[in-house]
Amino acid sequence: MLDLPPEEVTKERPSLLMSILASLNHLLAMDEVWLAHMTGSTHPYSELRTMITEDMDELWQIRQGIDKMLKD
């Protein structure tokens, strides 16, 4: 994903979440929601289309952190 041109990542597509970037943000947010439920903690999300970040490098860093937590 990091190799895709930015215009492809943000390009509007015929889907519920509208873009690759929005979809990746949604997947990350939902993993954080599930992690919060599994650990008995809280999460800050109140809607499905939450944009955690619009920066792909930052999104990738956050994704790696959540993946590590889910594996441990």
PDB file of N, CA and C in Angstrom:
ATOM      1  N   MET A   1       0.802  -1.204   0.000  1.00  0.00           N
ATOM      2  CA  MET A   1       0.000   0.000   0.000  1.00  0.00           C
ATOM      3  C   MET A   1       0.844   1.266   0.000  1.00  0.00           C
ATOM      4  N   LEU A   2       1.969   1.228   0.691  1.00  0.00           N
ATOM      5  CA  LEU A   2       2.801   2.418   0.768  1.00  0.00           C
ATOM      6  C   LEU A   2       3.413   2.780  -0.577  1.00  0.00           C
ATOM      7  N   ASP A   3       3.401   1.844  -1.508  1.00  0.00           N
ATOM      8  CA  ASP A   3       3.949   2.101  -2.840  1.00  0.00           C
ATOM      9  C   ASP A   3       2.938   2.760  -3.780  1.00  0.00           C
ATOM     10  N   LEU A   4       1.679   2.765  -3.405  1.00  0.00           N
ATOM     11  CA  LEU A   4       0.666   3.374  -4.265  1.00  0.00           C
ATOM     12  C   LEU A   4       0.830   4.891  -4.284  1.00  0.00           C
ATOM     13  N   PRO A   5       0.588   5.506  -5.428  1.00  0.00           N
ATOM     14  CA  PRO A   5       0.615   6.972  -5.475  1.00  0.00           C
ATOM     15  C   PRO A   5      -0.492   7.538  -4.580  1.00  0.00           C
ATOM     16  N   PRO A   6      -0.236   8.661  -3.926  1.00  0.00           N
ATOM     17  CA  PRO A   6      -1.236   9.255  -3.028  1.00  0.00           C
ATOM     18  C   PRO A   6      -2.606   9.454  -3.678  1.00  0.00           C
ATOM     19  N   GLU A   7      -2.617   9.798  -4.957  1.00  0.00           N
ATOM     20  CA  GLU A   7      -3.907  10.028  -5.620  1.00  0.00           C
ATOM     21  C   GLU A   7      -4.720   8.739  -5.752  1.00  0.00           C
ATOM     22  N   GLU A   8      -4.063   7.586  -5.797  1.00  0.00           N
ATOM     23  CA  GLU A   8      -4.779   6.306  -5.825  1.00  0.00           C
ATOM     24  C   GLU A   8      -5.325   5.952  -4.445  1.00  0.00           C
ATOM     25  N   VAL A   9      -4.591   6.303  -3.412  1.00  0.00           N
ATOM     26  CA  VAL A   9      -5.002   6.003  -2.045  1.00  0.00           C
ATOM     27  C   VAL A   9      -6.229   6.822  -1.654  1.00  0.00           C
ATOM     28  N   THR A  10      -6.290   8.052  -2.126  1.00  0.00           N
ATOM     29  CA  THR A  10      -7.401   8.939  -1.751  1.00  0.00           C
ATOM     30  C   THR A  10      -8.495   9.020  -2.823  1.00  0.00           C
ATOM     31  N   LYS A  11      -8.295   8.375  -3.952  1.00  0.00           N
ATOM     32  CA  LYS A  11      -9.272   8.408  -5.044  1.00  0.00           C
ATOM     33  C   LYS A  11     -10.629   7.890  -4.570  1.00  0.00           C
ATOM     34  N   GLU A  12     -11.683   8.644  -4.919  1.00  0.00           N
ATOM     35  CA  GLU A  12     -13.034   8.216  -4.554  1.00  0.00           C
ATOM     36  C   GLU A  12     -13.401   6.979  -5.352  1.00  0.00           C
ATOM     37  N   ARG A  13     -13.926   5.990  -4.629  1.00  0.00           N
ATOM     38  CA  ARG A  13     -14.288   4.716  -5.243  1.00  0.00           C
ATOM     39  C   ARG A  13     -15.732   4.371  -4.892  1.00  0.00           C
ATOM     40  N   PRO A  14     -16.352   3.511  -5.701  1.00  0.00           N
ATOM     41  CA  PRO A  14     -17.752   3.145  -5.445  1.00  0.00           C
ATOM     42  C   PRO A  14     -17.858   2.122  -4.312  1.00  0.00           C
ATOM     43  N   SER A  15     -17.650   2.586  -3.098  1.00  0.00           N
ATOM     44  CA  SER A  15     -17.765   1.712  -1.935  1.00  0.00           C
ATOM     45  C   SER A  15     -18.294   2.516  -0.756  1.00  0.00           C
ATOM     46  N   LEU A  16     -18.684   1.833   0.277  1.00  0.00           N
ATOM     47  CA  LEU A  16     -19.239   2.488   1.456  1.00  0.00           C
ATOM     48  C   LEU A  16     -18.251   3.467   2.087  1.00  0.00           C
ATOM     49  N   LEU A  17     -16.972   3.114   2.091  1.00  0.00           N
ATOM     50  CA  LEU A  17     -15.979   3.946   2.756  1.00  0.00           C
ATOM     51  C   LEU A  17     -15.264   4.912   1.815  1.00  0.00           C
ATOM     52  N   MET A  18     -15.557   4.876   0.547  1.00  0.00           N
ATOM     53  CA  MET A  18     -15.188   5.879  -0.451  1.00  0.00           C
ATOM     54  C   MET A  18     -13.742   5.876  -0.953  1.00  0.00           C
ATOM     55  N   SER A  19     -12.772   5.326  -0.203  1.00  0.00           N
ATOM     56  CA  SER A  19     -11.388   5.326  -0.688  1.00  0.00           C
ATOM     57  C   SER A  19     -10.587   4.240   0.034  1.00  0.00           C
ATOM     58  N   ILE A  20      -9.434   3.937  -0.515  1.00  0.00           N
ATOM     59  CA  ILE A  20      -8.537   2.984   0.139  1.00  0.00           C
ATOM     60  C   ILE A  20      -8.129   3.538   1.503  1.00  0.00           C
ATOM     61  N   LEU A  21      -7.796   4.823   1.558  1.00  0.00           N
ATOM     62  CA  LEU A  21      -7.382   5.438   2.816  1.00  0.00           C
ATOM     63  C   LEU A  21      -8.479   5.349   3.871  1.00  0.00           C
ATOM     64  N   ALA A  22      -9.703   5.650   3.506  1.00  0.00           N
ATOM     65  CA  ALA A  22     -10.818   5.564   4.448  1.00  0.00           C
ATOM     66  C   ALA A  22     -11.034   4.126   4.902  1.00  0.00           C
ATOM     67  N   SER A  23     -10.886   3.182   3.986  1.00  0.00           N
ATOM     68  CA  SER A  23     -11.048   1.765   4.341  1.00  0.00           C
ATOM     69  C   SER A  23      -9.979   1.309   5.318  1.00  0.00           C
ATOM     70  N   LEU A  24      -8.732   1.698   5.082  1.00  0.00           N
ATOM     71  CA  LEU A  24      -7.651   1.324   5.992  1.00  0.00           C
ATOM     72  C   LEU A  24      -7.832   1.955   7.368  1.00  0.00           C
ATOM     73  N   ASN A  25      -8.299   3.201   7.403  1.00  0.00           N
ATOM     74  CA  ASN A  25      -8.590   3.848   8.683  1.00  0.00           C
ATOM     75  C   ASN A  25      -9.701   3.115   9.420  1.00  0.00           C
ATOM     76  N   HIS A  26     -10.725   2.719   8.697  1.00  0.00           N
ATOM     77  CA  HIS A  26     -11.847   1.985   9.288  1.00  0.00           C
ATOM     78  C   HIS A  26     -11.372   0.657   9.891  1.00  0.00           C
ATOM     79  N   LEU A  27     -10.572  -0.094   9.144  1.00  0.00           N
ATOM     80  CA  LEU A  27     -10.070  -1.372   9.644  1.00  0.00           C
ATOM     81  C   LEU A  27      -9.240  -1.186  10.905  1.00  0.00           C
ATOM     82  N   LEU A  28      -8.408  -0.166  10.927  1.00  0.00           N
ATOM     83  CA  LEU A  28      -7.600   0.120  12.104  1.00  0.00           C
ATOM     84  C   LEU A  28      -8.476   0.496  13.294  1.00  0.00           C
ATOM     85  N   ALA A  29      -9.449   1.358  13.067  1.00  0.00           N
ATOM     86  CA  ALA A  29     -10.346   1.775  14.151  1.00  0.00           C
ATOM     87  C   ALA A  29     -11.122   0.584  14.706  1.00  0.00           C
ATOM     88  N   MET A  30     -11.601  -0.295  13.837  1.00  0.00           N
ATOM     89  CA  MET A  30     -12.364  -1.450  14.316  1.00  0.00           C
ATOM     90  C   MET A  30     -11.484  -2.424  15.088  1.00  0.00           C
ATOM     91  N   ASP A  31     -10.239  -2.572  14.684  1.00  0.00           N
ATOM     92  CA  ASP A  31      -9.322  -3.399  15.468  1.00  0.00           C
ATOM     93  C   ASP A  31      -9.092  -2.783  16.846  1.00  0.00           C
ATOM     94  N   GLU A  32      -8.993  -1.459  16.902  1.00  0.00           N
ATOM     95  CA  GLU A  32      -8.833  -0.792  18.193  1.00  0.00           C
ATOM     96  C   GLU A  32     -10.087  -0.955  19.056  1.00  0.00           C
ATOM     97  N   VAL A  33     -11.257  -0.927  18.437  1.00  0.00           N
ATOM     98  CA  VAL A  33     -12.512  -1.145  19.169  1.00  0.00           C
ATOM     99  C   VAL A  33     -12.528  -2.556  19.757  1.00  0.00           C
ATOM    100  N   TRP A  34     -12.216  -3.562  18.937  1.00  0.00           N
ATOM    101  CA  TRP A  34     -12.203  -4.941  19.426  1.00  0.00           C
ATOM    102  C   TRP A  34     -11.159  -5.127  20.521  1.00  0.00           C
ATOM    103  N   LEU A  35     -10.001  -4.521  20.351  1.00  0.00           N
ATOM    104  CA  LEU A  35      -8.958  -4.622  21.358  1.00  0.00           C
ATOM    105  C   LEU A  35      -9.433  -4.001  22.674  1.00  0.00           C
ATOM    106  N   ALA A  36     -10.109  -2.878  22.593  1.00  0.00           N
ATOM    107  CA  ALA A  36     -10.645  -2.241  23.793  1.00  0.00           C
ATOM    108  C   ALA A  36     -11.666  -3.145  24.479  1.00  0.00           C
ATOM    109  N   HIS A  37     -12.536  -3.760  23.708  1.00  0.00           N
ATOM    110  CA  HIS A  37     -13.530  -4.674  24.286  1.00  0.00           C
ATOM    111  C   HIS A  37     -12.868  -5.890  24.933  1.00  0.00           C
ATOM    112  N   MET A  38     -11.847  -6.419  24.283  1.00  0.00           N
ATOM    113  CA  MET A  38     -11.170  -7.598  24.824  1.00  0.00           C
ATOM    114  C   MET A  38     -10.380  -7.293  26.096  1.00  0.00           C
ATOM    115  N   THR A  39      -9.891  -6.074  26.220  1.00  0.00           N
ATOM    116  CA  THR A  39      -9.084  -5.720  27.386  1.00  0.00           C
ATOM    117  C   THR A  39      -9.885  -4.973  28.454  1.00  0.00           C
ATOM    118  N   GLY A  40     -11.146  -4.699  28.177  1.00  0.00           N
ATOM    119  CA  GLY A  40     -11.978  -3.992  29.139  1.00  0.00           C
ATOM    120  C   GLY A  40     -11.674  -2.508  29.228  1.00  0.00           C
ATOM    121  N   SER A  41     -11.034  -1.969  28.203  1.00  0.00           N
ATOM    122  CA  SER A  41     -10.741  -0.538  28.199  1.00  0.00           C
ATOM    123  C   SER A  41     -11.724   0.190  27.288  1.00  0.00           C
ATOM    124  N   THR A  42     -11.497   1.455  27.063  1.00  0.00           N
ATOM    125  CA  THR A  42     -12.390   2.248  26.221  1.00  0.00           C
ATOM    126  C   THR A  42     -11.681   2.625  24.923  1.00  0.00           C
ATOM    127  N   HIS A  43     -12.450   3.084  23.972  1.00  0.00           N
ATOM    128  CA  HIS A  43     -11.918   3.582  22.703  1.00  0.00           C
ATOM    129  C   HIS A  43     -12.599   4.912  22.405  1.00  0.00           C
ATOM    130  N   PRO A  44     -11.988   5.735  21.581  1.00  0.00           N
ATOM    131  CA  PRO A  44     -12.545   7.070  21.328  1.00  0.00           C
ATOM    132  C   PRO A  44     -13.513   7.156  20.153  1.00  0.00           C
ATOM    133  N   TYR A  45     -13.858   6.036  19.542  1.00  0.00           N
ATOM    134  CA  TYR A  45     -14.606   6.086  18.286  1.00  0.00           C
ATOM    135  C   TYR A  45     -16.115   6.040  18.495  1.00  0.00           C
ATOM    136  N   SER A  46     -16.804   6.908  17.761  1.00  0.00           N
ATOM    137  CA  SER A  46     -18.265   6.939  17.844  1.00  0.00           C
ATOM    138  C   SER A  46     -18.916   6.765  16.475  1.00  0.00           C
ATOM    139  N   GLU A  47     -18.101   6.693  15.417  1.00  0.00           N
ATOM    140  CA  GLU A  47     -18.670   6.483  14.088  1.00  0.00           C
ATOM    141  C   GLU A  47     -17.755   5.601  13.245  1.00  0.00           C
ATOM    142  N   LEU A  48     -18.343   4.909  12.297  1.00  0.00           N
ATOM    143  CA  LEU A  48     -17.614   3.948  11.478  1.00  0.00           C
ATOM    144  C   LEU A  48     -16.631   4.581  10.505  1.00  0.00           C
ATOM    145  N   ARG A  49     -16.871   5.813  10.120  1.00  0.00           N
ATOM    146  CA  ARG A  49     -16.017   6.474   9.125  1.00  0.00           C
ATOM    147  C   ARG A  49     -14.958   7.373   9.766  1.00  0.00           C
ATOM    148  N   THR A  50     -14.518   7.021  10.929  1.00  0.00           N
ATOM    149  CA  THR A  50     -13.500   7.797  11.617  1.00  0.00           C
ATOM    150  C   THR A  50     -12.205   7.804  10.822  1.00  0.00           C
ATOM    151  N   MET A  51     -11.623   8.981  10.645  1.00  0.00           N
ATOM    152  CA  MET A  51     -10.316   9.091  10.007  1.00  0.00           C
ATOM    153  C   MET A  51      -9.296   9.319  11.114  1.00  0.00           C
ATOM    154  N   ILE A  52      -8.511   8.293  11.388  1.00  0.00           N
ATOM    155  CA  ILE A  52      -7.483   8.385  12.416  1.00  0.00           C
ATOM    156  C   ILE A  52      -6.360   9.289  11.925  1.00  0.00           C
ATOM    157  N   THR A  53      -5.958   9.093  10.687  1.00  0.00           N
ATOM    158  CA  THR A  53      -4.933   9.927  10.073  1.00  0.00           C
ATOM    159  C   THR A  53      -5.068   9.869   8.562  1.00  0.00           C
ATOM    160  N   GLU A  54      -4.637  10.914   7.904  1.00  0.00           N
ATOM    161  CA  GLU A  54      -4.638  10.936   6.442  1.00  0.00           C
ATOM    162  C   GLU A  54      -3.236  10.682   5.893  1.00  0.00           C
ATOM    163  N   ASP A  55      -2.285  10.445   6.769  1.00  0.00           N
ATOM    164  CA  ASP A  55      -0.902  10.193   6.385  1.00  0.00           C
ATOM    165  C   ASP A  55      -0.646   8.685   6.370  1.00  0.00           C
ATOM    166  N   MET A  56      -0.309   8.138   5.209  1.00  0.00           N
ATOM    167  CA  MET A  56      -0.132   6.690   5.085  1.00  0.00           C
ATOM    168  C   MET A  56       1.018   6.157   5.936  1.00  0.00           C
ATOM    169  N   ASP A  57       2.099   6.914   6.056  1.00  0.00           N
ATOM    170  CA  ASP A  57       3.216   6.461   6.887  1.00  0.00           C
ATOM    171  C   ASP A  57       2.803   6.378   8.355  1.00  0.00           C
ATOM    172  N   GLU A  58       2.071   7.376   8.816  1.00  0.00           N
ATOM    173  CA  GLU A  58       1.586   7.358  10.197  1.00  0.00           C
ATOM    174  C   GLU A  58       0.588   6.216  10.402  1.00  0.00           C
ATOM    175  N   LEU A  59      -0.293   6.032   9.437  1.00  0.00           N
ATOM    176  CA  LEU A  59      -1.267   4.943   9.513  1.00  0.00           C
ATOM    177  C   LEU A  59      -0.554   3.594   9.607  1.00  0.00           C
ATOM    178  N   TRP A  60       0.497   3.420   8.822  1.00  0.00           N
ATOM    179  CA  TRP A  60       1.263   2.180   8.833  1.00  0.00           C
ATOM    180  C   TRP A  60       1.924   1.959  10.198  1.00  0.00           C
ATOM    181  N   GLN A  61       2.465   3.020  10.791  1.00  0.00           N
ATOM    182  CA  GLN A  61       3.092   2.898  12.106  1.00  0.00           C
ATOM    183  C   GLN A  61       2.070   2.495  13.170  1.00  0.00           C
ATOM    184  N   ILE A  62       0.909   3.122  13.146  1.00  0.00           N
ATOM    185  CA  ILE A  62      -0.148   2.782  14.101  1.00  0.00           C
ATOM    186  C   ILE A  62      -0.608   1.348  13.878  1.00  0.00           C
ATOM    187  N   ARG A  63      -0.768   0.976  12.603  1.00  0.00           N
ATOM    188  CA  ARG A  63      -1.197  -0.390  12.255  1.00  0.00           C
ATOM    189  C   ARG A  63      -0.224  -1.424  12.810  1.00  0.00           C
ATOM    190  N   GLN A  64       1.066  -1.185  12.668  1.00  0.00           N
ATOM    191  CA  GLN A  64       2.066  -2.115  13.170  1.00  0.00           C
ATOM    192  C   GLN A  64       1.977  -2.251  14.691  1.00  0.00           C
ATOM    193  N   GLY A  65       1.728  -1.141  15.390  1.00  0.00           N
ATOM    194  CA  GLY A  65       1.579  -1.184  16.843  1.00  0.00           C
ATOM    195  C   GLY A  65       0.367  -1.998  17.263  1.00  0.00           C
ATOM    196  N   ILE A  66      -0.757  -1.797  16.602  1.00  0.00           N
ATOM    197  CA  ILE A  66      -1.970  -2.554  16.925  1.00  0.00           C
ATOM    198  C   ILE A  66      -1.781  -4.030  16.595  1.00  0.00           C
ATOM    199  N   ASP A  67      -1.156  -4.327  15.464  1.00  0.00           N
ATOM    200  CA  ASP A  67      -0.908  -5.728  15.102  1.00  0.00           C
ATOM    201  C   ASP A  67      -0.049  -6.417  16.168  1.00  0.00           C
ATOM    202  N   LYS A  68       0.955  -5.713  16.679  1.00  0.00           N
ATOM    203  CA  LYS A  68       1.794  -6.289  17.726  1.00  0.00           C
ATOM    204  C   LYS A  68       0.978  -6.575  18.985  1.00  0.00           C
ATOM    205  N   MET A  69       0.116  -5.623  19.362  1.00  0.00           N
ATOM    206  CA  MET A  69      -0.734  -5.837  20.548  1.00  0.00           C
ATOM    207  C   MET A  69      -1.659  -7.039  20.344  1.00  0.00           C
ATOM    208  N   LEU A  70      -2.232  -7.165  19.157  1.00  0.00           N
ATOM    209  CA  LEU A  70      -3.153  -8.272  18.894  1.00  0.00           C
ATOM    210  C   LEU A  70      -2.438  -9.615  18.890  1.00  0.00           C
ATOM    211  N   LYS A  71      -1.175  -9.634  18.477  1.00  0.00           N
ATOM    212  CA  LYS A  71      -0.408 -10.888  18.462  1.00  0.00           C
ATOM    213  C   LYS A  71       0.065 -11.289  19.849  1.00  0.00           C
ATOM    214  N   ASP A  72       0.351 -10.311  20.697  1.00  0.00           N
ATOM    215  CA  ASP A  72       0.901 -10.615  22.037  1.00  0.00           C
ATOM    216  C   ASP A  72      -0.127 -11.097  23.015  1.00  0.00           C
TER     217      ASP A  72
END
